[in-house]
Amino acid sequence: MSELELEQRTNIKFLFKLGKIGNEIREMLVQVCGDNATKKTAVYKWVKRFSEGRESVTDEERSGWPATSRAEEKIAKVRQIVRENRRPTVRSIAEQVNIDRETVRKI
């Protein structure tokens, strides 16, 4: 999460606690941050979270494997396919590994 994102979430929380509603908060963020202001849907999402009692402005830990583990597995799978058959098509590899063709090309 960027410093600006964290700052804006903190401001959303502050303004919510002052009794401001989503639309007002968004307008204030646009006044201060311009084009870098948090999107309207994200403002409403955070207002809802704070209204439900949330205090933290940071993202919660997500369950599951880290993305790097999955990426490493896919790279290994692509390399294994190529070692076993030197002439597979990019399309066939992409289908076997369940990734897009551009990613196969990069690997």
N, C-alpha and C. Protein backbone atom coordinates (compact mmCIF):
# COMPACT_ATOMS: atom_id res chain seq x y z
N MET A 1 0.84 -1.17 0.00
CA MET A 1 0.00 0.00 0.00
C MET A 1 0.89 1.24 0.00
N SER A 2 0.55 2.20 -0.82
CA SER A 2 1.36 3.42 -0.92
C SER A 2 1.09 4.34 0.27
N GLU A 3 2.01 5.25 0.47
CA GLU A 3 1.88 6.21 1.56
C GLU A 3 0.64 7.09 1.34
N LEU A 4 0.39 7.47 0.08
CA LEU A 4 -0.77 8.31 -0.24
C LEU A 4 -2.07 7.56 0.07
N GLU A 5 -2.11 6.29 -0.27
CA GLU A 5 -3.30 5.48 -0.01
C GLU A 5 -3.57 5.40 1.50
N LEU A 6 -2.54 5.16 2.27
CA LEU A 6 -2.67 5.07 3.72
C LEU A 6 -3.13 6.41 4.29
N GLU A 7 -2.56 7.48 3.78
CA GLU A 7 -2.93 8.82 4.23
C GLU A 7 -4.40 9.11 3.94
N GLN A 8 -4.86 8.74 2.74
CA GLN A 8 -6.25 9.00 2.39
C GLN A 8 -7.21 8.15 3.22
N ARG A 9 -6.85 6.89 3.49
CA ARG A 9 -7.70 6.06 4.34
C ARG A 9 -7.80 6.65 5.75
N THR A 10 -6.69 7.17 6.23
CA THR A 10 -6.68 7.81 7.55
C THR A 10 -7.61 9.03 7.53
N ASN A 11 -7.54 9.79 6.45
CA ASN A 11 -8.42 10.96 6.32
C ASN A 11 -9.88 10.55 6.21
N ILE A 12 -10.16 9.47 5.50
CA ILE A 12 -11.53 8.97 5.38
C ILE A 12 -12.05 8.62 6.77
N LYS A 13 -11.24 7.92 7.54
CA LYS A 13 -11.63 7.54 8.91
C LYS A 13 -11.90 8.79 9.76
N PHE A 14 -10.98 9.74 9.69
CA PHE A 14 -11.11 10.98 10.46
C PHE A 14 -12.40 11.72 10.10
N LEU A 15 -12.62 11.89 8.81
CA LEU A 15 -13.81 12.63 8.36
C LEU A 15 -15.10 11.87 8.69
N PHE A 16 -15.07 10.54 8.58
CA PHE A 16 -16.22 9.73 8.96
C PHE A 16 -16.56 9.94 10.44
N LYS A 17 -15.52 9.95 11.28
CA LYS A 17 -15.74 10.14 12.72
C LYS A 17 -16.25 11.54 13.04
N LEU A 18 -16.01 12.49 12.13
CA LEU A 18 -16.56 13.84 12.29
C LEU A 18 -18.00 13.93 11.79
N GLY A 19 -18.52 12.81 11.26
CA GLY A 19 -19.91 12.79 10.82
C GLY A 19 -20.11 13.07 9.34
N LYS A 20 -19.03 13.12 8.58
CA LYS A 20 -19.16 13.35 7.13
C LYS A 20 -19.63 12.08 6.45
N ILE A 21 -20.37 12.25 5.35
CA ILE A 21 -20.84 11.10 4.58
C ILE A 21 -19.91 10.87 3.39
N GLY A 22 -20.05 9.72 2.74
CA GLY A 22 -19.17 9.32 1.66
C GLY A 22 -18.95 10.36 0.59
N ASN A 23 -20.04 10.97 0.13
CA ASN A 23 -19.95 11.95 -0.94
C ASN A 23 -19.13 13.17 -0.51
N GLU A 24 -19.37 13.63 0.71
CA GLU A 24 -18.62 14.78 1.22
C GLU A 24 -17.13 14.44 1.36
N ILE A 25 -16.87 13.24 1.86
CA ILE A 25 -15.48 12.82 2.03
C ILE A 25 -14.77 12.77 0.69
N ARG A 26 -15.43 12.20 -0.30
CA ARG A 26 -14.83 12.09 -1.64
C ARG A 26 -14.52 13.47 -2.20
N GLU A 27 -15.47 14.41 -2.06
CA GLU A 27 -15.25 15.78 -2.57
C GLU A 27 -14.05 16.43 -1.90
N MET A 28 -13.89 16.22 -0.60
CA MET A 28 -12.76 16.79 0.12
C MET A 28 -11.45 16.18 -0.35
N LEU A 29 -11.44 14.88 -0.57
CA LEU A 29 -10.24 14.23 -1.06
C LEU A 29 -9.85 14.74 -2.44
N VAL A 30 -10.84 14.98 -3.30
CA VAL A 30 -10.58 15.51 -4.64
C VAL A 30 -10.01 16.93 -4.53
N GLN A 31 -10.54 17.73 -3.59
CA GLN A 31 -10.02 19.09 -3.40
C GLN A 31 -8.54 19.07 -3.03
N VAL A 32 -8.16 18.12 -2.20
CA VAL A 32 -6.79 18.06 -1.71
C VAL A 32 -5.86 17.29 -2.66
N CYS A 33 -6.34 16.16 -3.17
CA CYS A 33 -5.47 15.25 -3.94
C CYS A 33 -5.68 15.31 -5.45
N GLY A 34 -6.72 15.96 -5.89
CA GLY A 34 -6.99 16.05 -7.32
C GLY A 34 -7.21 14.69 -7.95
N ASP A 35 -6.52 14.43 -9.07
CA ASP A 35 -6.67 13.16 -9.80
C ASP A 35 -6.18 11.95 -9.01
N ASN A 36 -5.39 12.18 -7.96
CA ASN A 36 -4.86 11.09 -7.16
C ASN A 36 -5.79 10.70 -6.01
N ALA A 37 -6.95 11.33 -5.95
CA ALA A 37 -7.89 11.02 -4.87
C ALA A 37 -8.41 9.60 -4.99
N THR A 38 -8.68 8.98 -3.86
CA THR A 38 -9.25 7.64 -3.81
C THR A 38 -10.55 7.63 -4.59
N LYS A 39 -10.77 6.58 -5.35
CA LYS A 39 -11.98 6.45 -6.16
C LYS A 39 -13.22 6.43 -5.26
N LYS A 40 -14.33 6.87 -5.83
CA LYS A 40 -15.58 6.98 -5.09
C LYS A 40 -15.99 5.64 -4.45
N THR A 41 -15.89 4.56 -5.22
CA THR A 41 -16.30 3.25 -4.69
C THR A 41 -15.44 2.84 -3.50
N ALA A 42 -14.14 3.15 -3.55
CA ALA A 42 -13.25 2.81 -2.44
C ALA A 42 -13.58 3.65 -1.21
N VAL A 43 -13.92 4.91 -1.42
CA VAL A 43 -14.31 5.77 -0.29
C VAL A 43 -15.53 5.16 0.40
N TYR A 44 -16.54 4.79 -0.38
CA TYR A 44 -17.76 4.21 0.20
C TYR A 44 -17.47 2.89 0.91
N LYS A 45 -16.56 2.10 0.34
CA LYS A 45 -16.19 0.83 0.95
C LYS A 45 -15.58 1.07 2.33
N TRP A 46 -14.66 2.05 2.41
CA TRP A 46 -14.01 2.33 3.69
C TRP A 46 -14.96 2.98 4.68
N VAL A 47 -15.87 3.83 4.22
CA VAL A 47 -16.88 4.42 5.11
C VAL A 47 -17.73 3.31 5.71
N LYS A 48 -18.12 2.34 4.89
CA LYS A 48 -18.92 1.21 5.37
C LYS A 48 -18.15 0.42 6.43
N ARG A 49 -16.88 0.15 6.16
CA ARG A 49 -16.05 -0.60 7.12
C ARG A 49 -15.95 0.15 8.45
N PHE A 50 -15.71 1.45 8.38
CA PHE A 50 -15.59 2.22 9.61
C PHE A 50 -16.94 2.29 10.34
N SER A 51 -18.03 2.34 9.59
CA SER A 51 -19.35 2.37 10.23
C SER A 51 -19.68 1.05 10.92
N GLU A 52 -19.03 -0.03 10.47
CA GLU A 52 -19.22 -1.34 11.08
C GLU A 52 -18.27 -1.57 12.26
N GLY A 53 -17.50 -0.54 12.61
CA GLY A 53 -16.64 -0.63 13.78
C GLY A 53 -15.16 -0.86 13.51
N ARG A 54 -14.79 -0.94 12.28
CA ARG A 54 -13.38 -1.16 11.96
C ARG A 54 -12.57 0.06 12.38
N GLU A 55 -11.39 -0.19 12.92
CA GLU A 55 -10.49 0.89 13.33
C GLU A 55 -9.24 0.96 12.46
N SER A 56 -8.77 -0.17 11.97
CA SER A 56 -7.53 -0.20 11.20
C SER A 56 -7.73 0.36 9.79
N VAL A 57 -6.72 1.09 9.31
CA VAL A 57 -6.78 1.62 7.95
C VAL A 57 -5.93 0.78 6.99
N THR A 58 -5.27 -0.25 7.52
CA THR A 58 -4.44 -1.09 6.68
C THR A 58 -5.22 -2.32 6.23
N ASP A 59 -4.77 -2.93 5.13
CA ASP A 59 -5.41 -4.13 4.62
C ASP A 59 -5.15 -5.29 5.58
N GLU A 60 -6.12 -6.19 5.65
CA GLU A 60 -5.96 -7.36 6.49
C GLU A 60 -5.14 -8.41 5.75
N GLU A 61 -4.50 -9.29 6.52
CA GLU A 61 -3.76 -10.39 5.93
C GLU A 61 -4.71 -11.26 5.12
N ARG A 62 -4.25 -11.74 3.99
CA ARG A 62 -5.07 -12.62 3.16
C ARG A 62 -4.58 -14.04 3.31
N SER A 63 -5.52 -14.95 3.30
CA SER A 63 -5.13 -16.35 3.43
C SER A 63 -4.65 -16.88 2.08
N GLY A 64 -4.05 -18.04 2.12
CA GLY A 64 -3.59 -18.64 0.88
C GLY A 64 -2.09 -18.50 0.71
N TRP A 65 -1.60 -19.10 -0.33
CA TRP A 65 -0.17 -19.06 -0.62
C TRP A 65 0.21 -17.70 -1.16
N PRO A 66 1.43 -17.28 -0.90
CA PRO A 66 1.89 -16.03 -1.51
C PRO A 66 1.93 -16.15 -3.02
N ALA A 67 1.69 -15.06 -3.70
CA ALA A 67 1.65 -15.06 -5.16
C ALA A 67 2.96 -15.55 -5.75
N THR A 68 4.08 -15.26 -5.09
CA THR A 68 5.38 -15.68 -5.63
C THR A 68 5.48 -17.20 -5.67
N SER A 69 4.91 -17.88 -4.70
CA SER A 69 4.95 -19.35 -4.70
C SER A 69 4.20 -19.90 -5.91
N ARG A 70 3.04 -19.33 -6.17
CA ARG A 70 2.25 -19.78 -7.32
C ARG A 70 2.99 -19.48 -8.61
N ALA A 71 3.61 -18.33 -8.70
CA ALA A 71 4.34 -17.95 -9.91
C ALA A 71 5.51 -18.90 -10.13
N GLU A 72 6.23 -19.22 -9.09
CA GLU A 72 7.37 -20.12 -9.22
C GLU A 72 6.93 -21.50 -9.68
N GLU A 73 5.79 -21.95 -9.17
CA GLU A 73 5.26 -23.25 -9.58
C GLU A 73 4.91 -23.25 -11.07
N LYS A 74 4.30 -22.18 -11.53
CA LYS A 74 3.90 -22.09 -12.94
C LYS A 74 5.12 -22.03 -13.85
N ILE A 75 6.15 -21.29 -13.44
CA ILE A 75 7.39 -21.21 -14.22
C ILE A 75 8.02 -22.60 -14.33
N ALA A 76 8.06 -23.31 -13.21
CA ALA A 76 8.63 -24.66 -13.21
C ALA A 76 7.84 -25.59 -14.11
N LYS A 77 6.52 -25.46 -14.09
CA LYS A 77 5.66 -26.31 -14.93
C LYS A 77 5.91 -26.02 -16.42
N VAL A 78 6.02 -24.74 -16.79
CA VAL A 78 6.29 -24.37 -18.19
C VAL A 78 7.63 -24.95 -18.62
N ARG A 79 8.63 -24.80 -17.79
CA ARG A 79 9.96 -25.33 -18.14
C ARG A 79 9.95 -26.84 -18.29
N GLN A 80 9.20 -27.52 -17.43
CA GLN A 80 9.09 -28.98 -17.52
C GLN A 80 8.45 -29.39 -18.83
N ILE A 81 7.38 -28.70 -19.23
CA ILE A 81 6.70 -29.01 -20.49
C ILE A 81 7.66 -28.85 -21.67
N VAL A 82 8.44 -27.77 -21.66
CA VAL A 82 9.38 -27.51 -22.76
C VAL A 82 10.50 -28.54 -22.78
N ARG A 83 10.98 -28.94 -21.61
CA ARG A 83 12.02 -29.98 -21.56
C ARG A 83 11.52 -31.31 -22.11
N GLU A 84 10.26 -31.63 -21.84
CA GLU A 84 9.70 -32.90 -22.30
C GLU A 84 9.38 -32.91 -23.78
N ASN A 85 9.06 -31.74 -24.33
CA ASN A 85 8.70 -31.63 -25.73
C ASN A 85 9.22 -30.29 -26.23
N ARG A 86 10.24 -30.31 -27.05
CA ARG A 86 10.89 -29.08 -27.50
C ARG A 86 10.06 -28.25 -28.47
N ARG A 87 8.92 -28.77 -28.93
CA ARG A 87 8.14 -28.04 -29.93
C ARG A 87 6.68 -27.81 -29.53
N PRO A 88 6.39 -27.55 -28.28
CA PRO A 88 4.99 -27.30 -27.93
C PRO A 88 4.59 -25.88 -28.38
N THR A 89 3.32 -25.66 -28.60
CA THR A 89 2.87 -24.31 -28.96
C THR A 89 2.66 -23.51 -27.69
N VAL A 90 2.75 -22.21 -27.83
CA VAL A 90 2.51 -21.32 -26.69
C VAL A 90 1.09 -21.54 -26.18
N ARG A 91 0.16 -21.70 -27.10
CA ARG A 91 -1.24 -21.91 -26.72
C ARG A 91 -1.40 -23.18 -25.88
N SER A 92 -0.75 -24.28 -26.32
CA SER A 92 -0.91 -25.54 -25.58
C SER A 92 -0.30 -25.44 -24.19
N ILE A 93 0.83 -24.76 -24.07
CA ILE A 93 1.44 -24.58 -22.75
C ILE A 93 0.52 -23.74 -21.87
N ALA A 94 0.01 -22.66 -22.42
CA ALA A 94 -0.88 -21.78 -21.65
C ALA A 94 -2.10 -22.54 -21.14
N GLU A 95 -2.65 -23.39 -21.98
CA GLU A 95 -3.82 -24.18 -21.56
C GLU A 95 -3.46 -25.19 -20.49
N GLN A 96 -2.31 -25.84 -20.62
CA GLN A 96 -1.89 -26.85 -19.64
C GLN A 96 -1.60 -26.23 -18.27
N VAL A 97 -0.99 -25.07 -18.28
CA VAL A 97 -0.58 -24.44 -17.03
C VAL A 97 -1.65 -23.48 -16.49
N ASN A 98 -2.63 -23.16 -17.34
CA ASN A 98 -3.72 -22.26 -16.98
C ASN A 98 -3.21 -20.83 -16.72
N ILE A 99 -2.41 -20.33 -17.66
CA ILE A 99 -1.95 -18.95 -17.63
C ILE A 99 -2.10 -18.37 -19.03
N ASP A 100 -1.99 -17.05 -19.15
CA ASP A 100 -2.18 -16.45 -20.48
C ASP A 100 -0.93 -16.66 -21.35
N ARG A 101 -1.13 -16.54 -22.65
CA ARG A 101 -0.05 -16.79 -23.61
C ARG A 101 1.12 -15.82 -23.47
N GLU A 102 0.85 -14.58 -23.15
CA GLU A 102 1.92 -13.60 -23.00
C GLU A 102 2.84 -13.99 -21.85
N THR A 103 2.28 -14.50 -20.79
CA THR A 103 3.10 -14.95 -19.65
C THR A 103 3.97 -16.12 -20.06
N VAL A 104 3.41 -17.04 -20.87
CA VAL A 104 4.20 -18.19 -21.37
C VAL A 104 5.36 -17.66 -22.19
N ARG A 105 5.13 -16.69 -23.05
CA ARG A 105 6.18 -16.12 -23.88
C ARG A 105 7.30 -15.52 -23.03
N LYS A 106 6.93 -14.83 -21.98
CA LYS A 106 7.92 -14.20 -21.10
C LYS A 106 8.78 -15.24 -20.39
N ILE A 107 8.15 -16.33 -19.98
CA ILE A 107 8.89 -17.40 -19.31
C ILE A 107 9.85 -18.05 -20.29
